[in-house]
N, C-alpha and C. Protein backbone atom coordinates (compact mmCIF):
# COMPACT_ATOMS: atom_id res chain seq x y z
N PRO A 1 4.41 3.33 -8.26
CA PRO A 1 4.20 3.46 -9.81
C PRO A 1 5.90 4.82 -9.80
N ARG A 2 6.02 4.48 -11.32
CA ARG A 2 7.27 5.79 -11.54
C ARG A 2 7.80 5.85 -10.71
N ALA A 3 8.78 5.34 -9.72
CA ALA A 3 9.71 5.45 -7.93
C ALA A 3 10.11 4.29 -8.47
N GLY A 4 11.16 4.28 -7.29
CA GLY A 4 12.25 2.86 -7.30
C GLY A 4 11.67 2.64 -5.25
N PRO A 5 12.07 1.55 -5.52
CA PRO A 5 11.79 1.09 -3.76
C PRO A 5 12.05 2.08 -2.52
N VAL A 6 10.78 1.72 -1.55
CA VAL A 6 11.16 2.67 -0.84
C VAL A 6 11.70 1.55 0.87
N VAL A 7 12.79 1.96 1.29
CA VAL A 7 13.37 0.80 2.07
C VAL A 7 13.31 1.34 3.09
N GLY A 8 13.13 1.14 4.32
CA GLY A 8 13.85 1.58 5.51
C GLY A 8 12.62 2.61 6.34
N GLY A 9 12.68 2.52 7.01
CA GLY A 9 11.60 3.24 7.89
C GLY A 9 11.97 4.69 7.81
N GLU A 10 12.81 5.38 7.61
CA GLU A 10 13.00 6.89 7.35
C GLU A 10 12.50 6.98 5.70
N GLN A 11 12.60 6.02 5.03
CA GLN A 11 12.32 6.26 3.51
C GLN A 11 10.72 5.86 3.16
N ILE A 12 10.00 5.44 4.63
CA ILE A 12 8.81 5.11 4.35
C ILE A 12 7.91 6.05 5.18
N ALA A 13 8.43 6.74 6.22
CA ALA A 13 8.24 8.02 6.74
C ALA A 13 8.31 8.79 5.46
N GLN A 14 8.77 8.91 4.71
CA GLN A 14 9.25 10.51 4.32
C GLN A 14 8.24 10.30 3.02
N PHE A 15 7.93 8.79 2.46
CA PHE A 15 7.22 8.56 1.89
C PHE A 15 5.54 9.05 1.74
N TRP A 16 5.14 8.44 3.00
CA TRP A 16 3.91 9.02 3.61
C TRP A 16 4.06 10.67 4.26
N GLY A 17 4.87 11.17 4.09
CA GLY A 17 4.55 12.55 4.35
C GLY A 17 4.26 13.42 3.45
N GLY A 18 5.13 12.61 2.17
CA GLY A 18 5.01 13.12 1.02
C GLY A 18 3.20 13.26 0.25
N VAL A 19 3.20 11.78 0.52
CA VAL A 19 1.81 11.70 0.07
C VAL A 19 0.38 12.68 0.73
N MET A 20 0.35 13.02 2.32
CA MET A 20 -0.34 13.38 2.81
C MET A 20 -0.08 15.14 2.46
N ALA A 21 1.11 15.18 2.25
CA ALA A 21 1.54 16.95 1.94
C ALA A 21 0.67 17.10 0.68
N ALA A 22 0.66 15.76 0.02
CA ALA A 22 0.12 16.20 -1.87
C ALA A 22 -1.99 15.86 -1.30
N GLY A 23 -2.18 16.11 0.10
CA GLY A 23 -3.56 15.43 -0.27
C GLY A 23 -4.08 14.22 0.05
N GLY A 24 -3.78 13.40 0.28
CA GLY A 24 -4.05 12.14 0.51
C GLY A 24 -3.99 11.86 2.21
N THR A 25 -5.23 11.87 2.78
CA THR A 25 -5.42 11.60 4.13
C THR A 25 -5.63 10.71 4.44
N ALA A 26 -6.71 9.76 3.64
CA ALA A 26 -7.17 8.78 4.28
C ALA A 26 -7.41 7.44 3.06
N LEU A 27 -6.57 6.35 3.86
CA LEU A 27 -6.51 5.12 2.61
C LEU A 27 -7.62 3.89 3.64
N ARG A 28 -7.95 3.44 2.23
CA ARG A 28 -9.15 2.21 2.69
C ARG A 28 -8.22 1.16 1.69
N LEU A 29 -7.95 0.30 2.97
CA LEU A 29 -7.79 -0.76 1.85
C LEU A 29 -8.89 -2.33 1.99
N GLU A 30 -8.81 -2.88 0.60
CA GLU A 30 -9.90 -3.98 0.41
C GLU A 30 -9.39 -5.53 0.61
N THR A 31 -8.98 -6.19 1.26
CA THR A 31 -8.71 -7.49 1.20
C THR A 31 -9.40 -8.25 0.55
N THR A 32 -8.86 -8.67 -0.69
CA THR A 32 -9.76 -9.66 -1.70
C THR A 32 -9.60 -11.56 -1.92
N GLU A 33 -8.32 -11.22 -1.21
CA GLU A 33 -7.46 -12.84 -1.43
C GLU A 33 -6.34 -13.06 -0.36
N VAL A 34 -6.68 -14.39 0.64
CA VAL A 34 -5.24 -14.08 1.37
C VAL A 34 -5.20 -15.79 0.88
N GLU A 35 -3.54 -16.18 0.54
CA GLU A 35 -3.35 -17.48 0.55
C GLU A 35 -2.21 -17.66 1.74
N SER A 36 -2.25 -18.59 2.09
CA SER A 36 -1.44 -19.13 2.99
C SER A 36 -0.18 -20.14 2.77
N CYS A 37 1.06 -19.87 3.04
CA CYS A 37 1.84 -20.86 2.44
C CYS A 37 3.06 -20.72 3.56
N GLY A 38 2.71 -21.36 4.77
CA GLY A 38 3.35 -22.16 5.79
C GLY A 38 3.85 -20.94 6.73
N GLU A 39 4.76 -20.02 6.83
CA GLU A 39 5.15 -18.97 7.63
C GLU A 39 5.31 -17.57 6.81
N THR A 40 4.28 -17.86 5.52
CA THR A 40 4.22 -16.85 4.93
C THR A 40 2.86 -16.60 4.57
N LEU A 41 1.80 -15.12 4.13
CA LEU A 41 0.66 -15.36 3.86
C LEU A 41 0.87 -14.22 2.61
N ILE A 42 0.19 -14.31 2.06
CA ILE A 42 0.07 -13.30 0.48
C ILE A 42 -1.29 -12.91 0.08
N GLU A 43 -1.31 -11.71 0.28
CA GLU A 43 -2.50 -10.76 0.35
C GLU A 43 -2.94 -10.24 -0.84
N VAL A 44 -3.63 -10.10 -1.30
CA VAL A 44 -4.25 -9.45 -2.66
C VAL A 44 -5.49 -8.83 -2.15
N GLY A 45 -5.57 -7.55 -2.96
CA GLY A 45 -6.68 -6.34 -2.69
C GLY A 45 -6.66 -5.48 -3.54
N ARG A 46 -7.08 -4.35 -2.69
CA ARG A 46 -8.07 -2.92 -3.95
C ARG A 46 -7.34 -1.69 -2.87
N TYR A 47 -7.12 -0.81 -3.15
CA TYR A 47 -7.30 0.23 -2.29
C TYR A 47 -7.48 1.94 -3.29
N THR A 48 -8.05 2.43 -2.04
CA THR A 48 -8.28 3.67 -2.39
C THR A 48 -7.68 5.03 -1.39
N LEU A 49 -7.31 6.18 -2.01
CA LEU A 49 -6.67 6.79 -1.67
C LEU A 49 -7.53 8.09 -1.85
N SER A 50 -7.91 9.13 -0.54
CA SER A 50 -9.09 9.77 -0.65
C SER A 50 -8.16 11.64 0.08
N SER A 51 -9.01 12.64 -0.30
CA SER A 51 -8.64 13.87 0.55
C SER A 51 -9.43 14.14 1.57
N THR A 52 -9.10 14.86 2.43
CA THR A 52 -9.72 14.93 3.41
C THR A 52 -10.95 15.72 3.20
N ALA A 53 -11.53 16.27 1.81
CA ALA A 53 -13.40 16.78 1.34
C ALA A 53 -13.59 15.29 0.47
N GLY A 54 -13.15 13.73 1.18
CA GLY A 54 -13.63 12.79 0.56
C GLY A 54 -13.24 12.52 -1.10
N GLN A 55 -12.90 13.36 -1.34
CA GLN A 55 -12.50 13.55 -2.86
C GLN A 55 -11.32 12.26 -3.21
N VAL A 56 -11.50 11.14 -4.46
CA VAL A 56 -10.43 9.81 -4.86
C VAL A 56 -9.15 10.68 -5.36
N VAL A 57 -8.55 10.86 -4.50
CA VAL A 57 -6.97 11.36 -5.09
C VAL A 57 -5.92 9.90 -6.05
N ASP A 58 -6.62 8.18 -5.09
CA ASP A 58 -6.00 7.35 -6.05
C ASP A 58 -6.73 6.24 -5.68
N GLN A 59 -6.63 5.30 -6.94
CA GLN A 59 -7.50 3.64 -6.70
C GLN A 59 -6.54 2.82 -7.57
N GLY A 60 -6.38 1.59 -7.01
CA GLY A 60 -5.91 0.48 -7.37
C GLY A 60 -5.44 -0.31 -7.07
N LYS A 61 -5.09 -1.55 -7.05
CA LYS A 61 -4.40 -2.63 -6.52
C LYS A 61 -3.31 -3.04 -5.74
N HIS A 62 -3.33 -3.89 -5.00
CA HIS A 62 -1.92 -4.10 -3.90
C HIS A 62 -1.83 -5.72 -3.84
N ILE A 63 -0.57 -5.96 -3.37
CA ILE A 63 -0.25 -7.55 -2.68
C ILE A 63 0.65 -7.22 -2.13
N VAL A 64 0.65 -8.07 -0.92
CA VAL A 64 1.70 -7.59 0.42
C VAL A 64 2.09 -9.07 0.75
N ILE A 65 3.30 -9.58 1.24
CA ILE A 65 3.64 -10.71 1.17
C ILE A 65 3.92 -10.51 3.15
N TRP A 66 3.23 -11.47 4.05
CA TRP A 66 3.34 -10.81 5.21
C TRP A 66 4.21 -12.66 5.70
N LYS A 67 5.17 -12.36 6.52
CA LYS A 67 6.17 -13.45 7.36
C LYS A 67 6.05 -13.66 8.79
N GLN A 68 5.84 -14.65 9.32
CA GLN A 68 5.59 -14.73 10.54
C GLN A 68 7.05 -14.71 11.10
N GLU A 69 7.48 -13.66 12.12
CA GLU A 69 8.61 -13.67 12.80
C GLU A 69 8.54 -13.68 14.19
N ASP A 70 8.95 -14.53 15.61
CA ASP A 70 8.89 -14.98 16.85
C ASP A 70 7.05 -14.73 16.61
N GLY A 71 6.66 -15.62 15.97
CA GLY A 71 4.91 -15.19 16.56
C GLY A 71 4.16 -13.66 15.91
N ALA A 72 4.78 -13.17 15.37
CA ALA A 72 3.86 -12.00 14.50
C ALA A 72 4.35 -11.97 13.32
N TRP A 73 3.04 -11.01 12.60
CA TRP A 73 3.41 -11.47 11.21
C TRP A 73 3.86 -10.04 10.78
N LYS A 74 4.71 -10.28 9.84
CA LYS A 74 5.09 -8.29 9.95
C LYS A 74 5.49 -8.61 8.15
N VAL A 75 5.23 -7.17 7.46
CA VAL A 75 5.48 -6.99 6.25
C VAL A 75 6.83 -7.62 5.66
N GLN A 76 6.74 -8.00 4.80
CA GLN A 76 8.08 -8.35 3.99
C GLN A 76 8.25 -7.80 2.76
N ARG A 77 7.07 -7.63 2.24
CA ARG A 77 7.03 -7.05 0.82
C ARG A 77 5.15 -6.23 0.64
N ASP A 78 5.68 -5.25 0.10
CA ASP A 78 4.47 -4.17 -0.19
C ASP A 78 4.25 -3.50 -1.79
N ILE A 79 3.94 -4.43 -2.85
CA ILE A 79 3.62 -3.25 -3.85
C ILE A 79 2.63 -3.09 -4.47
N TRP A 80 2.37 -1.86 -4.91
CA TRP A 80 0.77 -1.48 -5.50
C TRP A 80 0.61 -0.75 -6.84
N ASN A 81 -0.07 -0.77 -7.13
CA ASN A 81 -0.07 0.55 -8.60
C ASN A 81 -1.64 0.91 -9.24
N THR A 82 -1.52 1.60 -9.40
CA THR A 82 -2.66 2.93 -9.20
C THR A 82 -3.79 2.23 -10.81
N SER A 83 -4.92 2.38 -10.60
CA SER A 83 -5.66 1.85 -11.93
C SER A 83 -6.22 3.20 -12.76
N LEU A 84 -5.77 4.30 -11.87
CA LEU A 84 -6.17 5.73 -12.54
C LEU A 84 -5.50 6.14 -13.82
N LEU A 85 -5.70 6.47 -14.50
CA LEU A 85 -4.78 7.10 -15.97
C LEU A 85 -4.08 8.18 -15.95
N PRO A 86 -2.69 8.22 -16.45
CA PRO A 86 -2.09 9.35 -16.07
C PRO A 86 -3.02 10.62 -16.65
N GLN A 87 -2.65 11.85 -15.95
CA GLN A 87 -3.26 13.27 -16.44
C GLN A 87 -2.55 13.63 -17.81
N GLN A 88 -3.26 14.31 -18.58
CA GLN A 88 -2.28 14.58 -19.98
C GLN A 88 -2.45 15.96 -20.02
């Protein structure tokens, strides 16, 4: 949300390092729907990001597109957005 794409291992590590530095330490994912399209899976679900103290930092929904490559499922695309209202 409110940012460009995060692409590649270095950017992904930097992004999650920032999330952890901001206090988000526990991520819970709940898959609510999965659809298979040959070598592609589409996963729909919800997430909750909490702090070490158990306080909800963010929550929202996500879609992940998985591709099968050489017998292994790999994330091809992952997008989420918050369900929380921005703080004024």
